[in-house]
Amino acid sequence: MENEDTIRLLRECSAGVKMGVSTIDEMLPYIKSPKFKDVLYSCKTTHEKLYSEISEYLHKYDVDKKDPPIIASSMAKMKAKIEVAMHNSDKTIASIITDGCNMGVKSLTKYLNEYETANENIKSLVKRLINSEEKLIESIKDYL
């Protein structure tokens, strides 16, 4: 059995990746630029692969996945839908995605620091997720 920091870090990662994929799924139908859609599909694929790795570790350690908090998830979806309804543009969507990525990077970095005795393989996985979020931010700057 892994230590508590490893388990907690994995569970937070699980929730974060789910929220990221959910946001991408919510926004994809509204995107006009094919290139922008491709960037998001690519990021979604990366996140799904990372989620699969996270799930394997959680299964290995016999730990349940963590879902994003329902209120936070619902509020984020509602806010995004309102913004898109008011200003349906790639610029609006890029802004929503960038804000979400920044929140993800901030949270994951906080958890990395907080759960400092977590397994190094798990820390590496979290760093890859952070890197994916940062790459997405960089890739969509032209749409802001």
Protein backbone atom coordinates (compact mmCIF):
# COMPACT_ATOMS: atom_id res chain seq x y z
CA MET A 1 0.00 0.00 0.00
CA GLU A 2 1.26 3.43 -0.91
CA ASN A 3 1.47 6.29 1.57
CA GLU A 4 -1.41 8.71 2.10
CA ASP A 5 0.29 11.53 0.15
CA THR A 6 0.46 9.32 -2.93
CA ILE A 7 -3.19 8.35 -2.64
CA ARG A 8 -4.34 11.92 -2.07
CA LEU A 9 -2.28 13.24 -4.99
CA LEU A 10 -3.67 10.57 -7.31
CA ARG A 11 -7.24 11.30 -6.26
CA GLU A 12 -6.83 15.06 -6.78
CA CYS A 13 -5.29 14.37 -10.18
CA SER A 14 -8.20 12.13 -11.07
CA ALA A 15 -10.70 14.87 -10.27
CA GLY A 16 -8.70 17.53 -12.13
CA VAL A 17 -8.33 15.51 -15.31
CA LYS A 18 -12.04 14.67 -15.31
CA MET A 19 -12.90 18.34 -15.01
CA GLY A 20 -10.50 19.27 -17.82
CA VAL A 21 -11.87 16.66 -20.22
CA SER A 22 -15.42 17.64 -19.33
CA THR A 23 -14.70 21.31 -20.08
CA ILE A 24 -13.13 20.46 -23.42
CA ASP A 25 -16.15 18.30 -24.31
CA GLU A 26 -18.48 21.15 -23.37
CA MET A 27 -16.63 23.69 -25.52
CA LEU A 28 -15.81 21.66 -28.65
CA PRO A 29 -19.23 22.05 -30.33
CA TYR A 30 -18.96 25.85 -30.19
CA ILE A 31 -15.48 26.23 -31.68
CA LYS A 32 -15.35 27.62 -35.18
CA SER A 33 -11.67 27.24 -36.06
CA PRO A 34 -10.70 23.74 -37.23
CA LYS A 35 -7.14 24.30 -35.99
CA PHE A 36 -8.40 25.29 -32.53
CA LYS A 37 -10.58 22.15 -32.47
CA ASP A 38 -7.56 20.02 -33.39
CA VAL A 39 -5.54 21.52 -30.54
CA LEU A 40 -8.32 20.71 -28.07
CA TYR A 41 -8.82 17.18 -29.42
CA SER A 42 -5.08 16.57 -29.05
CA CYS A 43 -5.11 17.87 -25.48
CA LYS A 44 -8.17 15.77 -24.69
CA THR A 45 -6.38 12.66 -25.97
CA THR A 46 -3.36 13.44 -23.79
CA HIS A 47 -5.59 13.98 -20.75
CA GLU A 48 -7.43 10.72 -21.40
CA LYS A 49 -4.12 8.83 -21.55
CA LEU A 50 -3.02 10.42 -18.28
CA TYR A 51 -6.41 9.60 -16.75
CA SER A 52 -5.92 5.99 -17.80
CA GLU A 53 -2.54 5.92 -16.03
CA ILE A 54 -4.05 7.51 -12.93
CA SER A 55 -6.87 4.95 -12.98
CA GLU A 56 -4.38 2.08 -13.22
CA TYR A 57 -2.54 3.35 -10.14
CA LEU A 58 -5.78 3.87 -8.22
CA HIS A 59 -6.86 0.34 -9.12
CA LYS A 60 -3.45 -1.03 -8.14
CA TYR A 61 -3.72 0.67 -4.73
CA ASP A 62 -7.42 -0.29 -4.42
CA VAL A 63 -8.53 3.32 -4.07
CA ASP A 64 -11.67 4.97 -5.47
CA LYS A 65 -11.39 7.74 -8.01
CA LYS A 66 -12.34 11.22 -6.94
CA ASP A 67 -14.88 13.22 -8.88
CA PRO A 68 -14.66 16.99 -9.15
CA PRO A 69 -16.78 18.73 -6.52
CA ILE A 70 -20.33 18.83 -7.90
CA ILE A 71 -20.95 22.47 -7.01
CA ALA A 72 -17.65 23.67 -8.49
CA SER A 73 -18.17 21.60 -11.62
CA SER A 74 -21.77 22.76 -12.05
CA MET A 75 -20.90 26.41 -11.48
CA ALA A 76 -18.02 26.25 -13.97
CA LYS A 77 -20.25 24.65 -16.61
CA MET A 78 -23.01 27.19 -16.03
CA LYS A 79 -20.60 30.13 -16.22
CA ALA A 80 -19.04 28.77 -19.40
CA LYS A 81 -22.41 28.21 -21.06
CA ILE A 82 -23.56 31.72 -20.18
CA GLU A 83 -20.35 33.27 -21.52
CA VAL A 84 -20.56 31.26 -24.74
CA ALA A 85 -24.27 32.11 -25.15
CA MET A 86 -23.49 35.82 -24.76
CA HIS A 87 -20.33 35.89 -26.87
CA ASN A 88 -20.11 32.76 -28.99
CA SER A 89 -16.59 33.14 -30.31
CA ASP A 90 -13.33 31.25 -30.27
CA LYS A 91 -11.93 34.15 -28.25
CA THR A 92 -14.45 33.54 -25.46
CA ILE A 93 -13.79 29.80 -25.47
CA ALA A 94 -10.02 30.32 -25.47
CA SER A 95 -10.43 32.56 -22.44
CA ILE A 96 -12.55 29.97 -20.60
CA ILE A 97 -10.09 27.18 -21.39
CA THR A 98 -7.09 29.33 -20.40
CA ASP A 99 -8.71 30.20 -17.06
CA GLY A 100 -9.42 26.52 -16.43
CA CYS A 101 -5.87 25.51 -17.31
CA ASN A 102 -4.43 28.19 -15.04
CA MET A 103 -6.61 26.96 -12.18
CA GLY A 104 -5.52 23.39 -12.91
CA VAL A 105 -1.82 24.28 -12.94
CA LYS A 106 -2.21 26.22 -9.70
CA SER A 107 -4.10 23.41 -7.96
CA LEU A 108 -1.81 20.62 -9.16
CA THR A 109 1.29 22.56 -8.17
CA LYS A 110 -0.22 23.18 -4.74
CA TYR A 111 -0.92 19.46 -4.34
CA LEU A 112 2.60 18.56 -5.46
CA ASN A 113 3.96 20.81 -2.73
CA GLU A 114 1.41 19.67 -0.16
CA TYR A 115 1.86 15.93 -0.74
CA GLU A 116 5.64 16.01 -0.79
CA THR A 117 6.13 12.38 0.31
CA ALA A 118 4.10 11.03 -2.61
CA ASN A 119 5.61 8.36 -4.82
CA GLU A 120 8.04 9.86 -7.37
CA ASN A 121 6.30 8.10 -10.28
CA ILE A 122 3.04 9.78 -9.31
CA LYS A 123 4.75 13.15 -8.96
CA SER A 124 6.15 12.66 -12.46
CA LEU A 125 2.67 11.91 -13.78
CA VAL A 126 1.34 15.10 -12.16
CA LYS A 127 4.18 17.10 -13.72
CA ARG A 128 3.26 15.70 -17.14
CA LEU A 129 -0.33 16.81 -16.56
CA ILE A 130 0.84 20.29 -15.55
CA ASN A 131 3.02 20.39 -18.66
CA SER A 132 0.04 19.43 -20.83
CA GLU A 133 -2.02 22.26 -19.33
CA GLU A 134 0.78 24.76 -19.89
CA LYS A 135 1.21 23.61 -23.50
CA LEU A 136 -2.50 24.06 -24.11
CA ILE A 137 -2.38 27.60 -22.75
CA GLU A 138 0.52 28.38 -25.09
CA SER A 139 -1.20 26.71 -28.06
CA ILE A 140 -4.37 28.77 -27.80
CA LYS A 141 -2.93 32.22 -27.06
CA ASP A 142 -3.57 33.30 -30.64
CA TYR A 143 -7.30 32.82 -30.09
CA LEU A 144 -7.50 35.15 -27.07
